[in-house]
Amino acid sequence: MHAQDVRPDDIDSNPPSSAIAQGSAPQAAPDLDALYAPPAERIQKAVLDRLIDIHEAYLKAATFFCLATGSTDGLDASPRGGPPGFVHVLDAHTVAFADWPGNNRIESLRNLVRDERLGMVFLFPGQEIFLRINGRGRISTAPELLAQLSEGERIPKAATVVAIDQVLLHCGKAINRAKLWDDSSRIERGTLPTVGQMLAAFAKLENAEAEADDASIAQIDAHYAHAVRHDLY
C-alpha cells in the first residue's frame, strides 16, 4: 500500500491492537459471573487439597509439566520433563522434583525464594486430560532428598518441594482444539527459524553489521540438536 492510498477512515477504523486491548477510556471490569455459568458441583467437589490414588496414578505416568512461578519482579512459566514418575510423591500433601540443567536463568528457583506460590500443569501424551497442582514451593538441597530424585548416578544440585493446596483434573478441550496429539499437527523441521538462524538474528539486533554465514548457522544447529538430546544432566 502506498502512502497516497491510506485514508483517514482506514486509520480510525483499524486502531492498533494495543489500543483495542487497553480501550480508549477506563472501563469497569466485566461481570464474569454474568458471562459464565458456575462450574458444576461435581467439578467443585473434584478440587482437593491432597492426593488420592487417582492423582498418584497420573503422577507415576507423568513425563512433562509446565511450572508457573512469580514474584514482584514478574511472572515465569517454564517446562519440566523426565522419565515417568519424575515428580515424586512424598506423601498425600507433598510432591518433589529435581532441578536439572537448563539455560541457567533459574528464574523459577529465584522466584520461589521470594514468593513460594506456584502452579503445575501436567500433559500426558495421547491423553485428553490435564492434571493441575497449585501450592507452595521451597528449594531443598537435603542430600537424602536429592539422592531419592537422582537419575541413575546423576544427582541434582537442588530440588523443589511442593506443599499442595489444590489438585484437580482439567478437561482436555484445549488439546482437541489444538489437535495436539494428531500427526497432522506436527510442525515439520525447517518450516520455522532454526536456533542458529535465531541467534544470528539476535546478533544483528545488537550489531547491524553482524553477519552469519550458512556454515556457522549449520554448526550452531548441529551443536544444539546434539545438546538438547544428549546433554540432559
C-alpha atoms as a PDB file:
ATOM      1  CA  MET A   1       0.000   0.000   0.000  1.00  0.00           C
ATOM      2  CA  HIS A   2       1.339   3.417  -0.939  1.00  0.00           C
ATOM      3  CA  ALA A   3       1.067   6.469   1.300  1.00  0.00           C
ATOM      4  CA  GLN A   4      -1.468   8.115  -1.054  1.00  0.00           C
ATOM      5  CA  ASP A   5      -3.717   5.059  -0.753  1.00  0.00           C
ATOM      6  CA  VAL A   6      -4.176   5.499   3.012  1.00  0.00           C
ATOM      7  CA  ARG A   7      -7.425   7.224   4.017  1.00  0.00           C
ATOM      8  CA  PRO A   8      -8.122   8.769   7.443  1.00  0.00           C
ATOM      9  CA  ASP A   9     -11.079   6.436   7.982  1.00  0.00           C
ATOM     10  CA  ASP A  10      -8.758   3.443   7.459  1.00  0.00           C
ATOM     11  CA  ILE A  11      -6.695   4.604  10.410  1.00  0.00           C
ATOM     12  CA  ASP A  12      -9.688   5.340  12.612  1.00  0.00           C
ATOM     13  CA  SER A  13     -11.435   2.043  11.855  1.00  0.00           C
ATOM     14  CA  ASN A  14      -8.303  -0.054  12.452  1.00  0.00           C
ATOM     15  CA  PRO A  15      -6.835   1.076  15.775  1.00  0.00           C
ATOM     16  CA  PRO A  16      -3.611  -0.553  16.950  1.00  0.00           C
ATOM     17  CA  SER A  17      -4.086  -3.779  18.842  1.00  0.00           C
ATOM     18  CA  SER A  18      -2.671  -2.153  21.990  1.00  0.00           C
ATOM     19  CA  ALA A  19      -5.432   0.455  21.819  1.00  0.00           C
ATOM     20  CA  ILE A  20      -8.065  -2.265  21.464  1.00  0.00           C
ATOM     21  CA  ALA A  21      -6.660  -4.095  24.487  1.00  0.00           C
ATOM     22  CA  GLN A  22      -6.421  -1.005  26.661  1.00  0.00           C
ATOM     23  CA  GLY A  23      -9.591   0.740  25.491  1.00  0.00           C
ATOM     24  CA  SER A  24      -9.939   4.414  24.776  1.00  0.00           C
ATOM     25  CA  ALA A  25     -11.134   5.134  28.301  1.00  0.00           C
ATOM     26  CA  PRO A  26     -11.021   3.324  31.652  1.00  0.00           C
ATOM     27  CA  GLN A  27     -13.761   0.735  31.839  1.00  0.00           C
ATOM     28  CA  ALA A  28     -15.247  -1.235  34.685  1.00  0.00           C
ATOM     29  CA  ALA A  29     -14.147  -4.853  34.918  1.00  0.00           C
ATOM     30  CA  PRO A  30     -16.582  -7.182  33.153  1.00  0.00           C
ATOM     31  CA  ASP A  31     -19.073  -9.099  35.269  1.00  0.00           C
ATOM     32  CA  LEU A  32     -17.573 -12.557  34.841  1.00  0.00           C
ATOM     33  CA  ASP A  33     -20.406 -14.222  36.755  1.00  0.00           C
ATOM     34  CA  ALA A  34     -22.834 -12.829  34.183  1.00  0.00           C
ATOM     35  CA  LEU A  35     -20.668 -14.027  31.285  1.00  0.00           C
ATOM     36  CA  TYR A  36     -20.012 -17.570  32.505  1.00  0.00           C
ATOM     37  CA  ALA A  37     -22.167 -20.219  34.152  1.00  0.00           C
ATOM     38  CA  PRO A  38     -20.910 -21.509  37.507  1.00  0.00           C
ATOM     39  CA  PRO A  39     -18.940 -24.777  37.466  1.00  0.00           C
ATOM     40  CA  ALA A  40     -20.913 -27.937  38.078  1.00  0.00           C
ATOM     41  CA  GLU A  41     -20.998 -29.213  41.644  1.00  0.00           C
ATOM     42  CA  ARG A  42     -19.112 -32.374  40.667  1.00  0.00           C
ATOM     43  CA  ILE A  43     -16.283 -30.202  39.315  1.00  0.00           C
ATOM     44  CA  GLN A  44     -16.115 -28.180  42.507  1.00  0.00           C
ATOM     45  CA  LYS A  45     -16.006 -31.342  44.615  1.00  0.00           C
ATOM     46  CA  ALA A  46     -13.178 -32.749  42.488  1.00  0.00           C
ATOM     47  CA  VAL A  47     -10.817 -29.979  43.642  1.00  0.00           C
ATOM     48  CA  LEU A  48      -8.975 -31.495  46.603  1.00  0.00           C
ATOM     49  CA  ASP A  49      -6.259 -30.374  48.991  1.00  0.00           C
ATOM     50  CA  ARG A  50      -4.476 -33.729  48.898  1.00  0.00           C
ATOM     51  CA  LEU A  51      -3.550 -36.507  46.523  1.00  0.00           C
ATOM     52  CA  ILE A  52      -5.653 -39.638  46.225  1.00  0.00           C
ATOM     53  CA  ASP A  53      -4.941 -42.851  44.322  1.00  0.00           C
ATOM     54  CA  ILE A  54      -6.253 -41.382  41.042  1.00  0.00           C
ATOM     55  CA  HIS A  55      -3.798 -38.479  41.175  1.00  0.00           C
ATOM     56  CA  GLU A  56      -0.909 -40.737  42.116  1.00  0.00           C
ATOM     57  CA  ALA A  57      -1.604 -42.987  39.121  1.00  0.00           C
ATOM     58  CA  TYR A  58      -1.298 -39.983  36.809  1.00  0.00           C
ATOM     59  CA  LEU A  59       1.843 -38.712  38.535  1.00  0.00           C
ATOM     60  CA  LYS A  60       3.502 -42.113  38.147  1.00  0.00           C
ATOM     61  CA  ALA A  61       2.936 -41.789  34.389  1.00  0.00           C
ATOM     62  CA  ALA A  62       3.767 -38.081  34.104  1.00  0.00           C
ATOM     63  CA  THR A  63       6.750 -37.127  31.936  1.00  0.00           C
ATOM     64  CA  PHE A  64       6.076 -33.393  31.394  1.00  0.00           C
ATOM     65  CA  PHE A  65       4.626 -30.357  33.129  1.00  0.00           C
ATOM     66  CA  CYS A  66       4.817 -26.582  32.981  1.00  0.00           C
ATOM     67  CA  LEU A  67       5.776 -24.738  36.153  1.00  0.00           C
ATOM     68  CA  ALA A  68       4.400 -21.265  36.842  1.00  0.00           C
ATOM     69  CA  THR A  69       6.038 -19.018  39.437  1.00  0.00           C
ATOM     70  CA  GLY A  70       6.114 -15.324  40.175  1.00  0.00           C
ATOM     71  CA  SER A  71       7.450 -12.516  42.315  1.00  0.00           C
ATOM     72  CA  THR A  72       7.278  -8.744  42.467  1.00  0.00           C
ATOM     73  CA  ASP A  73       9.706  -8.746  39.539  1.00  0.00           C
ATOM     74  CA  GLY A  74       7.245 -10.575  37.275  1.00  0.00           C
ATOM     75  CA  LEU A  75       5.950 -13.988  36.250  1.00  0.00           C
ATOM     76  CA  ASP A  76       7.567 -17.025  34.675  1.00  0.00           C
ATOM     77  CA  ALA A  77       6.393 -20.289  33.128  1.00  0.00           C
ATOM     78  CA  SER A  78       8.861 -22.979  32.183  1.00  0.00           C
ATOM     79  CA  PRO A  79       8.769 -26.636  31.090  1.00  0.00           C
ATOM     80  CA  ARG A  80       9.916 -29.619  33.115  1.00  0.00           C
ATOM     81  CA  GLY A  81      10.395 -33.142  31.832  1.00  0.00           C
ATOM     82  CA  GLY A  82      11.755 -36.510  32.823  1.00  0.00           C
ATOM     83  CA  PRO A  83      11.085 -40.246  32.870  1.00  0.00           C
ATOM     84  CA  PRO A  84       7.654 -41.444  34.079  1.00  0.00           C
ATOM     85  CA  GLY A  85       7.238 -40.607  37.738  1.00  0.00           C
ATOM     86  CA  PHE A  86       9.996 -37.981  37.817  1.00  0.00           C
ATOM     87  CA  VAL A  87       7.720 -35.941  40.086  1.00  0.00           C
ATOM     88  CA  HIS A  88       7.897 -37.952  43.295  1.00  0.00           C
ATOM     89  CA  VAL A  89       5.014 -38.274  45.725  1.00  0.00           C
ATOM     90  CA  LEU A  90       6.423 -37.800  49.219  1.00  0.00           C
ATOM     91  CA  ASP A  91       3.020 -38.045  50.907  1.00  0.00           C
ATOM     92  CA  ALA A  92      -0.604 -37.130  50.186  1.00  0.00           C
ATOM     93  CA  HIS A  93       0.157 -33.440  50.666  1.00  0.00           C
ATOM     94  CA  THR A  94       3.649 -33.172  49.180  1.00  0.00           C
ATOM     95  CA  VAL A  95       5.472 -33.801  45.896  1.00  0.00           C
ATOM     96  CA  ALA A  96       9.046 -33.070  44.855  1.00  0.00           C
ATOM     97  CA  PHE A  97      11.036 -32.868  41.649  1.00  0.00           C
ATOM     98  CA  ALA A  98      14.680 -32.366  40.768  1.00  0.00           C
ATOM     99  CA  ASP A  99      16.127 -29.326  39.040  1.00  0.00           C
ATOM    100  CA  TRP A 100      18.182 -30.415  36.051  1.00  0.00           C
ATOM    101  CA  PRO A 101      20.391 -28.207  33.822  1.00  0.00           C
ATOM    102  CA  GLY A 102      18.651 -25.749  31.508  1.00  0.00           C
ATOM    103  CA  ASN A 103      19.738 -22.307  30.383  1.00  0.00           C
ATOM    104  CA  ASN A 104      20.933 -21.331  33.893  1.00  0.00           C
ATOM    105  CA  ARG A 105      18.485 -18.436  34.153  1.00  0.00           C
ATOM    106  CA  ILE A 106      16.951 -20.378  37.107  1.00  0.00           C
ATOM    107  CA  GLU A 107      14.074 -17.901  37.213  1.00  0.00           C
ATOM    108  CA  SER A 108      11.728 -20.421  38.805  1.00  0.00           C
ATOM    109  CA  LEU A 109      14.143 -21.071  41.658  1.00  0.00           C
ATOM    110  CA  ARG A 110      14.800 -17.378  42.197  1.00  0.00           C
ATOM    111  CA  ASN A 111      11.079 -16.645  42.177  1.00  0.00           C
ATOM    112  CA  LEU A 112      10.334 -19.327  44.754  1.00  0.00           C
ATOM    113  CA  VAL A 113      12.936 -17.881  47.106  1.00  0.00           C
ATOM    114  CA  ARG A 114      10.903 -14.646  47.082  1.00  0.00           C
ATOM    115  CA  ASP A 115       7.366 -15.963  46.566  1.00  0.00           C
ATOM    116  CA  GLU A 116       6.520 -19.576  47.398  1.00  0.00           C
ATOM    117  CA  ARG A 117       3.335 -19.758  45.319  1.00  0.00           C
ATOM    118  CA  LEU A 118       3.417 -21.960  42.217  1.00  0.00           C
ATOM    119  CA  GLY A 119       1.258 -23.789  39.723  1.00  0.00           C
ATOM    120  CA  MET A 120       1.922 -27.034  37.834  1.00  0.00           C
ATOM    121  CA  VAL A 121       0.100 -28.181  34.681  1.00  0.00           C
ATOM    122  CA  PHE A 122       0.807 -31.748  33.546  1.00  0.00           C
ATOM    123  CA  LEU A 123       0.334 -33.013  29.979  1.00  0.00           C
ATOM    124  CA  PHE A 124       0.036 -36.711  29.156  1.00  0.00           C
ATOM    125  CA  PRO A 125       0.863 -37.537  25.514  1.00  0.00           C
ATOM    126  CA  GLY A 126      -2.086 -39.273  23.895  1.00  0.00           C
ATOM    127  CA  GLN A 127      -4.455 -38.459  26.780  1.00  0.00           C
ATOM    128  CA  GLU A 128      -7.208 -35.832  26.672  1.00  0.00           C
ATOM    129  CA  ILE A 129      -6.840 -34.558  30.216  1.00  0.00           C
ATOM    130  CA  PHE A 130      -4.578 -32.338  32.312  1.00  0.00           C
ATOM    131  CA  LEU A 131      -3.547 -32.629  35.944  1.00  0.00           C
ATOM    132  CA  ARG A 132      -3.070 -29.396  37.847  1.00  0.00           C
ATOM    133  CA  ILE A 133      -1.417 -28.726  41.190  1.00  0.00           C
ATOM    134  CA  ASN A 134      -1.444 -25.358  42.931  1.00  0.00           C
ATOM    135  CA  GLY A 135       0.648 -24.969  46.021  1.00  0.00           C
ATOM    136  CA  ARG A 136       3.713 -23.573  47.731  1.00  0.00           C
ATOM    137  CA  GLY A 137       7.259 -24.497  46.815  1.00  0.00           C
ATOM    138  CA  ARG A 138      10.572 -24.405  48.636  1.00  0.00           C
ATOM    139  CA  ILE A 139      14.062 -25.177  47.386  1.00  0.00           C
ATOM    140  CA  SER A 140      15.848 -28.055  49.080  1.00  0.00           C
ATOM    141  CA  THR A 141      19.418 -29.323  48.931  1.00  0.00           C
ATOM    142  CA  ALA A 142      18.869 -32.068  51.505  1.00  0.00           C
ATOM    143  CA  PRO A 143      21.206 -34.923  50.475  1.00  0.00           C
ATOM    144  CA  GLU A 144      18.665 -37.673  51.200  1.00  0.00           C
ATOM    145  CA  LEU A 145      16.030 -35.995  49.010  1.00  0.00           C
ATOM    146  CA  LEU A 146      18.478 -35.334  46.178  1.00  0.00           C
ATOM    147  CA  ALA A 147      19.522 -38.984  46.286  1.00  0.00           C
ATOM    148  CA  GLN A 148      15.871 -40.042  46.051  1.00  0.00           C
ATOM    149  CA  LEU A 149      15.404 -37.812  42.972  1.00  0.00           C
ATOM    150  CA  SER A 150      18.604 -38.933  41.227  1.00  0.00           C
ATOM    151  CA  GLU A 151      18.600 -40.279  37.663  1.00  0.00           C
ATOM    152  CA  GLY A 152      20.974 -43.227  37.669  1.00  0.00           C
ATOM    153  CA  GLU A 153      24.265 -41.923  39.008  1.00  0.00           C
ATOM    154  CA  ARG A 154      23.290 -38.295  38.377  1.00  0.00           C
ATOM    155  CA  ILE A 155      22.324 -36.321  41.470  1.00  0.00           C
ATOM    156  CA  PRO A 156      20.655 -32.894  41.085  1.00  0.00           C
ATOM    157  CA  LYS A 157      22.044 -29.755  42.683  1.00  0.00           C
ATOM    158  CA  ALA A 158      18.651 -28.770  44.080  1.00  0.00           C
ATOM    159  CA  ALA A 159      15.043 -29.891  44.255  1.00  0.00           C
ATOM    160  CA  THR A 160      11.670 -28.212  44.619  1.00  0.00           C
ATOM    161  CA  VAL A 161       9.368 -29.494  47.349  1.00  0.00           C
ATOM    162  CA  VAL A 162       5.704 -28.616  46.808  1.00  0.00           C
ATOM    163  CA  ALA A 163       3.124 -28.375  49.570  1.00  0.00           C
ATOM    164  CA  ILE A 164      -0.187 -28.988  47.803  1.00  0.00           C
ATOM    165  CA  ASP A 165      -3.041 -26.530  48.267  1.00  0.00           C
ATOM    166  CA  GLN A 166      -5.181 -27.716  45.359  1.00  0.00           C
ATOM    167  CA  VAL A 167      -5.074 -30.677  42.996  1.00  0.00           C
ATOM    168  CA  LEU A 168      -7.540 -31.199  40.168  1.00  0.00           C
ATOM    169  CA  LEU A 169      -8.022 -32.887  36.821  1.00  0.00           C
ATOM    170  CA  HIS A 170      -8.736 -30.472  33.982  1.00  0.00           C
ATOM    171  CA  CYS A 171     -10.681 -31.306  30.812  1.00  0.00           C
ATOM    172  CA  GLY A 172      -8.757 -31.699  27.553  1.00  0.00           C
ATOM    173  CA  LYS A 173     -10.738 -29.400  25.275  1.00  0.00           C
ATOM    174  CA  ALA A 174      -7.617 -27.308  24.652  1.00  0.00           C
ATOM    175  CA  ILE A 175      -5.803 -30.445  23.471  1.00  0.00           C
ATOM    176  CA  ASN A 176      -8.517 -31.117  20.927  1.00  0.00           C
ATOM    177  CA  ARG A 177      -8.727 -27.504  19.807  1.00  0.00           C
ATOM    178  CA  ALA A 178      -5.000 -27.646  19.136  1.00  0.00           C
ATOM    179  CA  LYS A 179      -5.173 -31.195  17.714  1.00  0.00           C
ATOM    180  CA  LEU A 180      -2.097 -31.594  19.879  1.00  0.00           C
ATOM    181  CA  TRP A 181      -1.684 -35.343  19.562  1.00  0.00           C
ATOM    182  CA  ASP A 182      -2.651 -35.573  15.884  1.00  0.00           C
ATOM    183  CA  ASP A 183       0.146 -36.364  13.429  1.00  0.00           C
ATOM    184  CA  SER A 184      -1.275 -33.652  11.171  1.00  0.00           C
ATOM    185  CA  SER A 185      -0.337 -31.058  13.806  1.00  0.00           C
ATOM    186  CA  ARG A 186       3.353 -31.893  13.771  1.00  0.00           C
ATOM    187  CA  ILE A 187       5.444 -28.977  12.538  1.00  0.00           C
ATOM    188  CA  GLU A 188       7.980 -30.124  10.002  1.00  0.00           C
ATOM    189  CA  ARG A 189      11.608 -29.240  10.690  1.00  0.00           C
ATOM    190  CA  GLY A 190      12.793 -26.327   8.605  1.00  0.00           C
ATOM    191  CA  THR A 191       9.411 -24.585   8.414  1.00  0.00           C
ATOM    192  CA  LEU A 192      10.346 -22.292  11.318  1.00  0.00           C
ATOM    193  CA  PRO A 193      13.599 -20.417  12.011  1.00  0.00           C
ATOM    194  CA  THR A 194      16.267 -22.696  13.468  1.00  0.00           C
ATOM    195  CA  VAL A 195      18.230 -21.960  16.630  1.00  0.00           C
ATOM    196  CA  GLY A 196      21.220 -20.918  14.505  1.00  0.00           C
ATOM    197  CA  GLN A 197      19.083 -18.534  12.468  1.00  0.00           C
ATOM    198  CA  MET A 198      17.549 -17.061  15.615  1.00  0.00           C
ATOM    199  CA  LEU A 199      20.933 -16.464  17.234  1.00  0.00           C
ATOM    200  CA  ALA A 200      22.092 -14.783  14.030  1.00  0.00           C
ATOM    201  CA  ALA A 201      19.029 -12.540  14.114  1.00  0.00           C
ATOM    202  CA  PHE A 202      19.644 -11.635  17.764  1.00  0.00           C
ATOM    203  CA  ALA A 203      23.266 -10.806  16.982  1.00  0.00           C
ATOM    204  CA  LYS A 204      22.089  -8.498  14.222  1.00  0.00           C
ATOM    205  CA  LEU A 205      19.831  -6.671  16.680  1.00  0.00           C
ATOM    206  CA  GLU A 206      22.926  -5.884  18.733  1.00  0.00           C
ATOM    207  CA  ASN A 207      25.109  -5.107  15.741  1.00  0.00           C
ATOM    208  CA  ALA A 208      23.540  -4.250  12.382  1.00  0.00           C
ATOM    209  CA  GLU A 209      26.795  -5.198  10.681  1.00  0.00           C
ATOM    210  CA  ALA A 210      26.843  -8.714  12.135  1.00  0.00           C
ATOM    211  CA  GLU A 211      26.511 -11.420   9.527  1.00  0.00           C
ATOM    212  CA  ALA A 212      26.456 -15.186   9.985  1.00  0.00           C
ATOM    213  CA  ASP A 213      27.241 -17.455   7.061  1.00  0.00           C
ATOM    214  CA  ASP A 214      25.343 -20.654   6.342  1.00  0.00           C
ATOM    215  CA  ALA A 215      28.180 -22.796   7.651  1.00  0.00           C
ATOM    216  CA  SER A 216      28.161 -21.025  11.041  1.00  0.00           C
ATOM    217  CA  ILE A 217      24.388 -21.360  11.318  1.00  0.00           C
ATOM    218  CA  ALA A 218      24.555 -25.061  10.409  1.00  0.00           C
ATOM    219  CA  GLN A 219      27.260 -25.607  13.042  1.00  0.00           C
ATOM    220  CA  ILE A 220      25.126 -23.954  15.737  1.00  0.00           C
ATOM    221  CA  ASP A 221      22.110 -26.013  14.705  1.00  0.00           C
ATOM    222  CA  ALA A 222      24.114 -29.232  14.854  1.00  0.00           C
ATOM    223  CA  HIS A 223      25.501 -28.362  18.304  1.00  0.00           C
ATOM    224  CA  TYR A 224      22.017 -27.540  19.600  1.00  0.00           C
ATOM    225  CA  ALA A 225      20.491 -30.724  18.161  1.00  0.00           C
ATOM    226  CA  HIS A 226      23.123 -32.813  19.952  1.00  0.00           C
ATOM    227  CA  ALA A 227      22.957 -30.926  23.251  1.00  0.00           C
ATOM    228  CA  VAL A 228      19.167 -30.909  23.526  1.00  0.00           C
ATOM    229  CA  ARG A 229      19.105 -34.694  23.102  1.00  0.00           C
ATOM    230  CA  HIS A 230      22.221 -35.812  24.931  1.00  0.00           C
ATOM    231  CA  ASP A 231      23.353 -33.190  27.465  1.00  0.00           C
ATOM    232  CA  LEU A 232      20.291 -33.747  29.635  1.00  0.00           C
ATOM    233  CA  TYR A 233      22.014 -33.877  33.015  1.00  0.00           C
END
